[in-house]
Amino acid sequence: MLRAFRFGVVVLGLFVVAMLSAVMTMHFAIHGAEVTVPDYRGLTTAEAARRSASLGLTQSVDSRFYSADMPAGRVLSQSPAVGTVVRREWHLRLTESLGPQKAAIPNVIGKEERVATIEVRRAGLDIGSVAHLPFAGSPENTVIAQTPAPDAAGVERPVVSLLVAAAPDVVASGGMVMPDFTGQPYAAAAAAVTKAGLKLAPAKDMAVSIPAVPDVASTKPMAAPIPAGAVVSQSPPAGYRIDLGAQVEFTVAK
């Protein structure tokens, strides 16, 4: 009887040891696959790539911004944030500095859209949003407004958005299709709306700031900051068919 009891104790002890060993193995396996995200800010994109590879992470440059403080080619911001614990093979999103703004913003107002697009790209800039609106007195497909304005300084992104005159889009009821003014300068959007025969409601101001770093689990890229004086939202929305004389309201970044 005593021998059977001792045998049972031994078996129980071996079982406990085996369970503890399994738990410890799982613990080290799980935590061995975790990585603490380092600080990439100030590194060149090549240095950041080497560091990511050494940690078993992947990365991409999602956005590029001008910066008077960070030299060109270096990491300006990152997501996930420094110190975040992620699994190996996690994908990091970096923002690269373009250095101080050197490219002059060309004046493409009054030019045909295709020509304007070529001039913007020749200046080393990208085309942002392009809105079309019937505009009395301007030939179809000519640029009637742009943002940033010609020769603007302190630009954050190498992107130029255009507002282009469109052919009249009037239906039998005397209506039109509402264009997308998001990202356009408020002054240009307001002038275009008034000239198109619509009523302009008092604008709403909305304070904007640099977007927060997305959550670790987020798959969305970091949002670009909205320049002050640009249209954030509109009512009626883009694509909505409205009657001539209808009221349009803009929410503007400040």
C-alpha atoms as a PDB file:
ATOM      1  CA  MET A   1       0.000   0.000   0.000  1.00  0.00           C
ATOM      2  CA  LEU A   2       2.815   2.362   0.968  1.00  0.00           C
ATOM      3  CA  ARG A   3       4.677   1.469  -2.227  1.00  0.00           C
ATOM      4  CA  ALA A   4       1.592   2.288  -4.331  1.00  0.00           C
ATOM      5  CA  PHE A   5       1.196   5.625  -2.531  1.00  0.00           C
ATOM      6  CA  ARG A   6       4.825   6.518  -3.190  1.00  0.00           C
ATOM      7  CA  PHE A   7       4.456   5.534  -6.829  1.00  0.00           C
ATOM      8  CA  GLY A   8       1.401   7.778  -7.128  1.00  0.00           C
ATOM      9  CA  VAL A   9       3.301  10.703  -5.580  1.00  0.00           C
ATOM     10  CA  VAL A  10       6.163  10.201  -8.038  1.00  0.00           C
ATOM     11  CA  VAL A  11       3.774  10.080 -10.997  1.00  0.00           C
ATOM     12  CA  LEU A  12       2.003  13.228  -9.781  1.00  0.00           C
ATOM     13  CA  GLY A  13       5.328  14.999  -9.353  1.00  0.00           C
ATOM     14  CA  LEU A  14       6.428  14.070 -12.854  1.00  0.00           C
ATOM     15  CA  PHE A  15       3.098  15.336 -14.231  1.00  0.00           C
ATOM     16  CA  VAL A  16       3.495  18.686 -12.435  1.00  0.00           C
ATOM     17  CA  VAL A  17       7.071  19.032 -13.706  1.00  0.00           C
ATOM     18  CA  ALA A  18       5.901  18.229 -17.256  1.00  0.00           C
ATOM     19  CA  MET A  19       3.105  20.818 -17.046  1.00  0.00           C
ATOM     20  CA  LEU A  20       5.464  23.503 -15.711  1.00  0.00           C
ATOM     21  CA  SER A  21       7.940  22.679 -18.461  1.00  0.00           C
ATOM     22  CA  ALA A  22       5.208  22.999 -21.108  1.00  0.00           C
ATOM     23  CA  VAL A  23       4.019  26.322 -19.683  1.00  0.00           C
ATOM     24  CA  MET A  24       7.565  27.722 -19.602  1.00  0.00           C
ATOM     25  CA  THR A  25       8.192  26.517 -23.164  1.00  0.00           C
ATOM     26  CA  MET A  26       5.022  28.238 -24.389  1.00  0.00           C
ATOM     27  CA  HIS A  27       5.948  31.389 -22.473  1.00  0.00           C
ATOM     28  CA  PHE A  28       9.387  31.620 -24.078  1.00  0.00           C
ATOM     29  CA  ALA A  29       7.978  30.703 -27.497  1.00  0.00           C
ATOM     30  CA  ILE A  30       5.375  33.452 -27.324  1.00  0.00           C
ATOM     31  CA  HIS A  31       7.624  36.148 -25.895  1.00  0.00           C
ATOM     32  CA  GLY A  32      10.502  35.095 -28.112  1.00  0.00           C
ATOM     33  CA  ALA A  33       8.321  36.017 -31.101  1.00  0.00           C
ATOM     34  CA  GLU A  34       7.612  39.504 -29.747  1.00  0.00           C
ATOM     35  CA  VAL A  35       9.589  42.631 -30.630  1.00  0.00           C
ATOM     36  CA  THR A  36       9.673  46.059 -29.020  1.00  0.00           C
ATOM     37  CA  VAL A  37       9.462  48.711 -31.746  1.00  0.00           C
ATOM     38  CA  PRO A  38      12.586  50.909 -31.639  1.00  0.00           C
ATOM     39  CA  ASP A  39      12.841  54.617 -32.380  1.00  0.00           C
ATOM     40  CA  TYR A  40      13.386  55.079 -36.125  1.00  0.00           C
ATOM     41  CA  ARG A  41      13.133  58.873 -36.105  1.00  0.00           C
ATOM     42  CA  GLY A  42      16.210  60.516 -37.553  1.00  0.00           C
ATOM     43  CA  LEU A  43      17.471  57.338 -39.247  1.00  0.00           C
ATOM     44  CA  THR A  44      17.864  57.174 -42.999  1.00  0.00           C
ATOM     45  CA  THR A  45      15.338  54.926 -44.689  1.00  0.00           C
ATOM     46  CA  ALA A  46      18.189  52.490 -45.487  1.00  0.00           C
ATOM     47  CA  GLU A  47      19.245  52.378 -41.827  1.00  0.00           C
ATOM     48  CA  ALA A  48      15.629  51.866 -40.790  1.00  0.00           C
ATOM     49  CA  ALA A  49      15.307  48.985 -43.262  1.00  0.00           C
ATOM     50  CA  ARG A  50      18.388  47.263 -41.848  1.00  0.00           C
ATOM     51  CA  ARG A  51      17.125  47.660 -38.288  1.00  0.00           C
ATOM     52  CA  SER A  52      13.703  46.264 -39.249  1.00  0.00           C
ATOM     53  CA  ALA A  53      15.307  43.279 -40.950  1.00  0.00           C
ATOM     54  CA  SER A  54      17.444  42.530 -37.879  1.00  0.00           C
ATOM     55  CA  LEU A  55      14.295  42.453 -35.733  1.00  0.00           C
ATOM     56  CA  GLY A  56      12.257  40.386 -38.172  1.00  0.00           C
ATOM     57  CA  LEU A  57       9.957  43.293 -39.067  1.00  0.00           C
ATOM     58  CA  THR A  58       8.895  44.703 -42.427  1.00  0.00           C
ATOM     59  CA  GLN A  59       8.406  48.361 -43.315  1.00  0.00           C
ATOM     60  CA  SER A  60       7.293  50.796 -45.982  1.00  0.00           C
ATOM     61  CA  VAL A  61       7.360  54.564 -46.470  1.00  0.00           C
ATOM     62  CA  ASP A  62       3.711  55.620 -46.622  1.00  0.00           C
ATOM     63  CA  SER A  63       4.027  59.413 -46.796  1.00  0.00           C
ATOM     64  CA  ARG A  64       6.573  62.147 -47.401  1.00  0.00           C
ATOM     65  CA  PHE A  65       6.446  65.612 -45.867  1.00  0.00           C
ATOM     66  CA  TYR A  66       8.583  68.735 -45.952  1.00  0.00           C
ATOM     67  CA  SER A  67      10.405  69.457 -42.691  1.00  0.00           C
ATOM     68  CA  ALA A  68      12.630  72.339 -41.685  1.00  0.00           C
ATOM     69  CA  ASP A  69      13.955  70.303 -38.746  1.00  0.00           C
ATOM     70  CA  MET A  70      14.599  66.844 -40.210  1.00  0.00           C
ATOM     71  CA  PRO A  71      17.069  66.373 -43.103  1.00  0.00           C
ATOM     72  CA  ALA A  72      15.771  64.873 -46.325  1.00  0.00           C
ATOM     73  CA  GLY A  73      15.741  61.088 -46.554  1.00  0.00           C
ATOM     74  CA  ARG A  74      15.343  60.521 -42.823  1.00  0.00           C
ATOM     75  CA  VAL A  75      12.408  59.108 -40.899  1.00  0.00           C
ATOM     76  CA  LEU A  76      10.057  61.827 -39.674  1.00  0.00           C
ATOM     77  CA  SER A  77       7.477  59.691 -37.853  1.00  0.00           C
ATOM     78  CA  GLN A  78       6.474  56.064 -37.473  1.00  0.00           C
ATOM     79  CA  SER A  79       3.591  53.732 -36.704  1.00  0.00           C
ATOM     80  CA  PRO A  80       3.403  51.795 -34.386  1.00  0.00           C
ATOM     81  CA  ALA A  81       4.902  54.179 -31.848  1.00  0.00           C
ATOM     82  CA  VAL A  82       8.255  53.702 -30.117  1.00  0.00           C
ATOM     83  CA  GLY A  83       8.099  51.045 -27.381  1.00  0.00           C
ATOM     84  CA  THR A  84       5.065  49.218 -28.777  1.00  0.00           C
ATOM     85  CA  VAL A  85       5.353  45.430 -28.457  1.00  0.00           C
ATOM     86  CA  VAL A  86       4.441  43.638 -31.690  1.00  0.00           C
ATOM     87  CA  ARG A  87       4.871  40.173 -33.184  1.00  0.00           C
ATOM     88  CA  ARG A  88       7.735  39.431 -35.555  1.00  0.00           C
ATOM     89  CA  GLU A  89       6.924  40.117 -39.227  1.00  0.00           C
ATOM     90  CA  TRP A  90       4.771  43.078 -38.144  1.00  0.00           C
ATOM     91  CA  HIS A  91       4.568  45.798 -40.812  1.00  0.00           C
ATOM     92  CA  LEU A  92       5.798  49.259 -39.860  1.00  0.00           C
ATOM     93  CA  ARG A  93       4.713  52.450 -41.612  1.00  0.00           C
ATOM     94  CA  LEU A  94       7.198  55.294 -41.835  1.00  0.00           C
ATOM     95  CA  THR A  95       6.950  58.923 -42.908  1.00  0.00           C
ATOM     96  CA  GLU A  96      10.008  60.255 -44.732  1.00  0.00           C
ATOM     97  CA  SER A  97      11.257  63.832 -44.544  1.00  0.00           C
ATOM     98  CA  LEU A  98      11.767  65.764 -47.761  1.00  0.00           C
ATOM     99  CA  GLY A  99      13.792  68.389 -45.904  1.00  0.00           C
ATOM    100  CA  PRO A 100      12.899  72.086 -46.186  1.00  0.00           C
ATOM    101  CA  GLN A 101      10.581  73.083 -48.999  1.00  0.00           C
ATOM    102  CA  LYS A 102      12.679  73.938 -52.044  1.00  0.00           C
ATOM    103  CA  ALA A 103      10.314  73.347 -54.936  1.00  0.00           C
ATOM    104  CA  ALA A 104       8.422  76.468 -55.980  1.00  0.00           C
ATOM    105  CA  ILE A 105       4.658  76.051 -56.365  1.00  0.00           C
ATOM    106  CA  PRO A 106       3.910  76.811 -60.030  1.00  0.00           C
ATOM    107  CA  ASN A 107       1.025  79.010 -61.124  1.00  0.00           C
ATOM    108  CA  VAL A 108      -1.290  76.844 -63.238  1.00  0.00           C
ATOM    109  CA  ILE A 109      -4.464  78.928 -62.897  1.00  0.00           C
ATOM    110  CA  GLY A 110      -6.009  79.523 -66.315  1.00  0.00           C
ATOM    111  CA  LYS A 111      -4.151  76.622 -67.913  1.00  0.00           C
ATOM    112  CA  GLU A 112      -5.717  73.520 -69.426  1.00  0.00           C
ATOM    113  CA  GLU A 113      -5.896  70.654 -66.927  1.00  0.00           C
ATOM    114  CA  ARG A 114      -3.519  68.383 -68.838  1.00  0.00           C
ATOM    115  CA  VAL A 115      -0.928  71.140 -69.211  1.00  0.00           C
ATOM    116  CA  ALA A 116      -1.292  72.072 -65.547  1.00  0.00           C
ATOM    117  CA  THR A 117      -0.768  68.459 -64.516  1.00  0.00           C
ATOM    118  CA  ILE A 118       2.427  68.250 -66.589  1.00  0.00           C
ATOM    119  CA  GLU A 119       3.788  71.491 -65.105  1.00  0.00           C
ATOM    120  CA  VAL A 120       3.063  70.377 -61.552  1.00  0.00           C
ATOM    121  CA  ARG A 121       4.869  67.081 -62.077  1.00  0.00           C
ATOM    122  CA  ARG A 122       7.800  68.750 -63.827  1.00  0.00           C
ATOM    123  CA  ALA A 123       8.227  70.833 -60.667  1.00  0.00           C
ATOM    124  CA  GLY A 124       8.685  67.609 -58.705  1.00  0.00           C
ATOM    125  CA  LEU A 125       5.217  67.777 -57.152  1.00  0.00           C
ATOM    126  CA  ASP A 126       2.278  65.384 -57.190  1.00  0.00           C
ATOM    127  CA  ILE A 127      -1.339  65.993 -58.185  1.00  0.00           C
ATOM    128  CA  GLY A 128      -3.756  65.783 -55.262  1.00  0.00           C
ATOM    129  CA  SER A 129      -7.525  66.047 -55.498  1.00  0.00           C
ATOM    130  CA  VAL A 130      -9.063  67.435 -58.683  1.00  0.00           C
ATOM    131  CA  ALA A 131     -12.578  68.880 -58.496  1.00  0.00           C
ATOM    132  CA  HIS A 132     -14.664  69.916 -61.518  1.00  0.00           C
ATOM    133  CA  LEU A 133     -17.350  72.592 -61.450  1.00  0.00           C
ATOM    134  CA  PRO A 134     -19.315  74.483 -64.109  1.00  0.00           C
ATOM    135  CA  PHE A 135     -17.803  77.969 -64.059  1.00  0.00           C
ATOM    136  CA  ALA A 136     -19.222  80.767 -66.206  1.00  0.00           C
ATOM    137  CA  GLY A 137     -16.612  82.694 -68.159  1.00  0.00           C
ATOM    138  CA  SER A 138     -13.930  79.987 -67.991  1.00  0.00           C
ATOM    139  CA  PRO A 139     -13.307  77.505 -70.816  1.00  0.00           C
ATOM    140  CA  GLU A 140     -13.989  73.874 -70.040  1.00  0.00           C
ATOM    141  CA  ASN A 141     -11.052  71.938 -68.526  1.00  0.00           C
ATOM    142  CA  THR A 142      -9.136  75.039 -67.441  1.00  0.00           C
ATOM    143  CA  VAL A 143      -7.849  75.434 -63.890  1.00  0.00           C
ATOM    144  CA  ILE A 144      -9.775  78.057 -61.932  1.00  0.00           C
ATOM    145  CA  ALA A 145      -8.090  77.556 -58.531  1.00  0.00           C
ATOM    146  CA  GLN A 146      -5.255  75.614 -56.933  1.00  0.00           C
ATOM    147  CA  THR A 147      -3.932  74.741 -53.493  1.00  0.00           C
ATOM    148  CA  PRO A 148      -1.296  75.513 -52.370  1.00  0.00           C
ATOM    149  CA  ALA A 149      -1.425  78.931 -53.992  1.00  0.00           C
ATOM    150  CA  PRO A 150       1.256  79.887 -56.532  1.00  0.00           C
ATOM    151  CA  ASP A 151       4.670  80.504 -54.898  1.00  0.00           C
ATOM    152  CA  ALA A 152       3.292  79.477 -51.479  1.00  0.00           C
ATOM    153  CA  ALA A 153       5.838  78.901 -48.700  1.00  0.00           C
ATOM    154  CA  GLY A 154       5.598  76.621 -45.672  1.00  0.00           C
ATOM    155  CA  VAL A 155       3.965  73.832 -47.677  1.00  0.00           C
ATOM    156  CA  GLU A 156       3.798  70.516 -45.807  1.00  0.00           C
ATOM    157  CA  ARG A 157       3.260  68.056 -48.666  1.00  0.00           C
ATOM    158  CA  PRO A 158       4.539  68.013 -52.268  1.00  0.00           C
ATOM    159  CA  VAL A 159       0.966  67.880 -53.549  1.00  0.00           C
ATOM    160  CA  VAL A 160      -1.072  70.378 -55.573  1.00  0.00           C
ATOM    161  CA  SER A 161      -4.879  70.100 -55.750  1.00  0.00           C
ATOM    162  CA  LEU A 162      -6.818  71.640 -58.623  1.00  0.00           C
ATOM    163  CA  LEU A 163     -10.275  73.084 -59.187  1.00  0.00           C
ATOM    164  CA  VAL A 164     -11.152  72.763 -62.890  1.00  0.00           C
ATOM    165  CA  ALA A 165     -13.927  74.334 -64.940  1.00  0.00           C
ATOM    166  CA  ALA A 166     -16.364  71.718 -66.229  1.00  0.00           C
ATOM    167  CA  ALA A 167     -18.988  71.696 -68.940  1.00  0.00           C
ATOM    168  CA  PRO A 168     -22.438  72.768 -67.723  1.00  0.00           C
ATOM    169  CA  ASP A 169     -24.182  69.857 -66.018  1.00  0.00           C
ATOM    170  CA  VAL A 170     -27.737  71.138 -65.896  1.00  0.00           C
ATOM    171  CA  VAL A 171     -30.752  68.793 -65.884  1.00  0.00           C
ATOM    172  CA  ALA A 172     -34.300  69.578 -66.925  1.00  0.00           C
ATOM    173  CA  SER A 173     -35.167  70.804 -63.420  1.00  0.00           C
ATOM    174  CA  GLY A 174     -32.338  73.329 -63.588  1.00  0.00           C
ATOM    175  CA  GLY A 175     -30.048  71.368 -61.282  1.00  0.00           C
ATOM    176  CA  MET A 176     -26.434  70.241 -61.273  1.00  0.00           C
ATOM    177  CA  VAL A 177     -24.162  67.619 -59.719  1.00  0.00           C
ATOM    178  CA  MET A 178     -22.316  68.798 -56.612  1.00  0.00           C
ATOM    179  CA  PRO A 179     -18.533  68.520 -57.124  1.00  0.00           C
ATOM    180  CA  ASP A 180     -16.028  67.482 -54.459  1.00  0.00           C
ATOM    181  CA  PHE A 181     -14.422  70.536 -52.855  1.00  0.00           C
ATOM    182  CA  THR A 182     -12.645  68.619 -50.085  1.00  0.00           C
ATOM    183  CA  GLY A 183      -9.046  69.824 -49.780  1.00  0.00           C
ATOM    184  CA  GLN A 184      -9.672  72.915 -51.908  1.00  0.00           C
ATOM    185  CA  PRO A 185      -8.985  76.451 -50.588  1.00  0.00           C
ATOM    186  CA  TYR A 186     -12.177  77.855 -49.077  1.00  0.00           C
ATOM    187  CA  ALA A 187     -11.872  81.158 -50.978  1.00  0.00           C
ATOM    188  CA  ALA A 188     -11.706  79.366 -54.327  1.00  0.00           C
ATOM    189  CA  ALA A 189     -14.525  76.949 -53.453  1.00  0.00           C
ATOM    190  CA  ALA A 190     -16.750  79.782 -52.229  1.00  0.00           C
ATOM    191  CA  ALA A 191     -16.148  81.833 -55.392  1.00  0.00           C
ATOM    192  CA  ALA A 192     -16.867  78.824 -57.593  1.00  0.00           C
ATOM    193  CA  VAL A 193     -20.107  77.996 -55.774  1.00  0.00           C
ATOM    194  CA  THR A 194     -21.363  81.567 -56.016  1.00  0.00           C
ATOM    195  CA  LYS A 195     -20.478  81.859 -59.694  1.00  0.00           C
ATOM    196  CA  ALA A 196     -22.243  78.564 -60.425  1.00  0.00           C
ATOM    197  CA  GLY A 197     -25.539  80.071 -59.213  1.00  0.00           C
ATOM    198  CA  LEU A 198     -25.619  78.458 -55.778  1.00  0.00           C
ATOM    199  CA  LYS A 199     -26.074  80.107 -52.390  1.00  0.00           C
ATOM    200  CA  LEU A 200     -23.216  80.062 -49.906  1.00  0.00           C
ATOM    201  CA  ALA A 201     -24.036  79.459 -46.236  1.00  0.00           C
ATOM    202  CA  PRO A 202     -21.739  80.825 -43.496  1.00  0.00           C
ATOM    203  CA  ALA A 203     -18.732  78.540 -43.161  1.00  0.00           C
ATOM    204  CA  LYS A 204     -18.159  76.424 -40.077  1.00  0.00           C
ATOM    205  CA  ASP A 205     -14.684  76.435 -38.559  1.00  0.00           C
ATOM    206  CA  MET A 206     -13.051  73.237 -37.369  1.00  0.00           C
ATOM    207  CA  ALA A 207      -9.770  73.109 -35.471  1.00  0.00           C
ATOM    208  CA  VAL A 208      -7.402  70.533 -36.951  1.00  0.00           C
ATOM    209  CA  SER A 209      -4.123  69.110 -35.716  1.00  0.00           C
ATOM    210  CA  ILE A 210      -1.497  66.589 -36.800  1.00  0.00           C
ATOM    211  CA  PRO A 211      -3.235  63.200 -36.885  1.00  0.00           C
ATOM    212  CA  ALA A 212      -2.524  60.798 -34.036  1.00  0.00           C
ATOM    213  CA  VAL A 213      -0.489  57.673 -34.710  1.00  0.00           C
ATOM    214  CA  PRO A 214      -2.920  54.878 -35.655  1.00  0.00           C
ATOM    215  CA  ASP A 215      -3.649  52.017 -33.294  1.00  0.00           C
ATOM    216  CA  VAL A 216      -1.249  49.073 -33.484  1.00  0.00           C
ATOM    217  CA  ALA A 217      -3.914  46.832 -35.004  1.00  0.00           C
ATOM    218  CA  SER A 218      -4.927  49.436 -37.576  1.00  0.00           C
ATOM    219  CA  THR A 219      -4.337  48.668 -41.250  1.00  0.00           C
ATOM    220  CA  LYS A 220      -4.951  52.250 -42.325  1.00  0.00           C
ATOM    221  CA  PRO A 221      -2.061  54.533 -43.289  1.00  0.00           C
ATOM    222  CA  MET A 222      -1.439  57.695 -41.370  1.00  0.00           C
ATOM    223  CA  ALA A 223      -3.676  60.505 -42.497  1.00  0.00           C
ATOM    224  CA  ALA A 224      -2.129  63.619 -43.967  1.00  0.00           C
ATOM    225  CA  PRO A 225      -2.570  66.893 -42.091  1.00  0.00           C
ATOM    226  CA  ILE A 226      -5.209  69.298 -43.467  1.00  0.00           C
ATOM    227  CA  PRO A 227      -3.866  72.759 -44.347  1.00  0.00           C
ATOM    228  CA  ALA A 228      -5.511  75.749 -42.681  1.00  0.00           C
ATOM    229  CA  GLY A 229      -8.141  77.404 -44.866  1.00  0.00           C
ATOM    230  CA  ALA A 230      -8.950  74.206 -46.759  1.00  0.00           C
ATOM    231  CA  VAL A 231     -12.407  72.658 -47.046  1.00  0.00           C
ATOM    232  CA  VAL A 232     -12.747  69.717 -44.639  1.00  0.00           C
ATOM    233  CA  SER A 233     -16.320  68.727 -45.502  1.00  0.00           C
ATOM    234  CA  GLN A 234     -19.300  70.005 -47.441  1.00  0.00           C
ATOM    235  CA  SER A 235     -23.068  69.865 -47.530  1.00  0.00           C
ATOM    236  CA  PRO A 236     -24.556  68.736 -49.906  1.00  0.00           C
ATOM    237  CA  PRO A 237     -21.943  65.999 -50.399  1.00  0.00           C
ATOM    238  CA  ALA A 238     -20.051  65.422 -53.644  1.00  0.00           C
ATOM    239  CA  GLY A 239     -22.080  63.671 -56.346  1.00  0.00           C
ATOM    240  CA  TYR A 240     -25.400  64.873 -54.933  1.00  0.00           C
ATOM    241  CA  ARG A 241     -27.711  66.406 -57.566  1.00  0.00           C
ATOM    242  CA  ILE A 242     -28.959  69.811 -56.425  1.00  0.00           C
ATOM    243  CA  ASP A 243     -31.123  72.594 -57.809  1.00  0.00           C
ATOM    244  CA  LEU A 244     -29.591  75.856 -58.946  1.00  0.00           C
ATOM    245  CA  GLY A 245     -29.974  78.355 -56.136  1.00  0.00           C
ATOM    246  CA  ALA A 246     -29.545  75.665 -53.452  1.00  0.00           C
ATOM    247  CA  GLN A 247     -27.507  76.462 -50.354  1.00  0.00           C
ATOM    248  CA  VAL A 248     -24.015  75.031 -49.887  1.00  0.00           C
ATOM    249  CA  GLU A 249     -22.226  74.897 -46.542  1.00  0.00           C
ATOM    250  CA  PHE A 250     -18.501  74.293 -46.030  1.00  0.00           C
ATOM    251  CA  THR A 251     -16.581  73.250 -42.931  1.00  0.00           C
ATOM    252  CA  VAL A 252     -13.141  74.845 -43.053  1.00  0.00           C
ATOM    253  CA  ALA A 253      -9.898  73.932 -41.262  1.00  0.00           C
ATOM    254  CA  LYS A 254      -8.448  76.623 -39.032  1.00  0.00           C
END
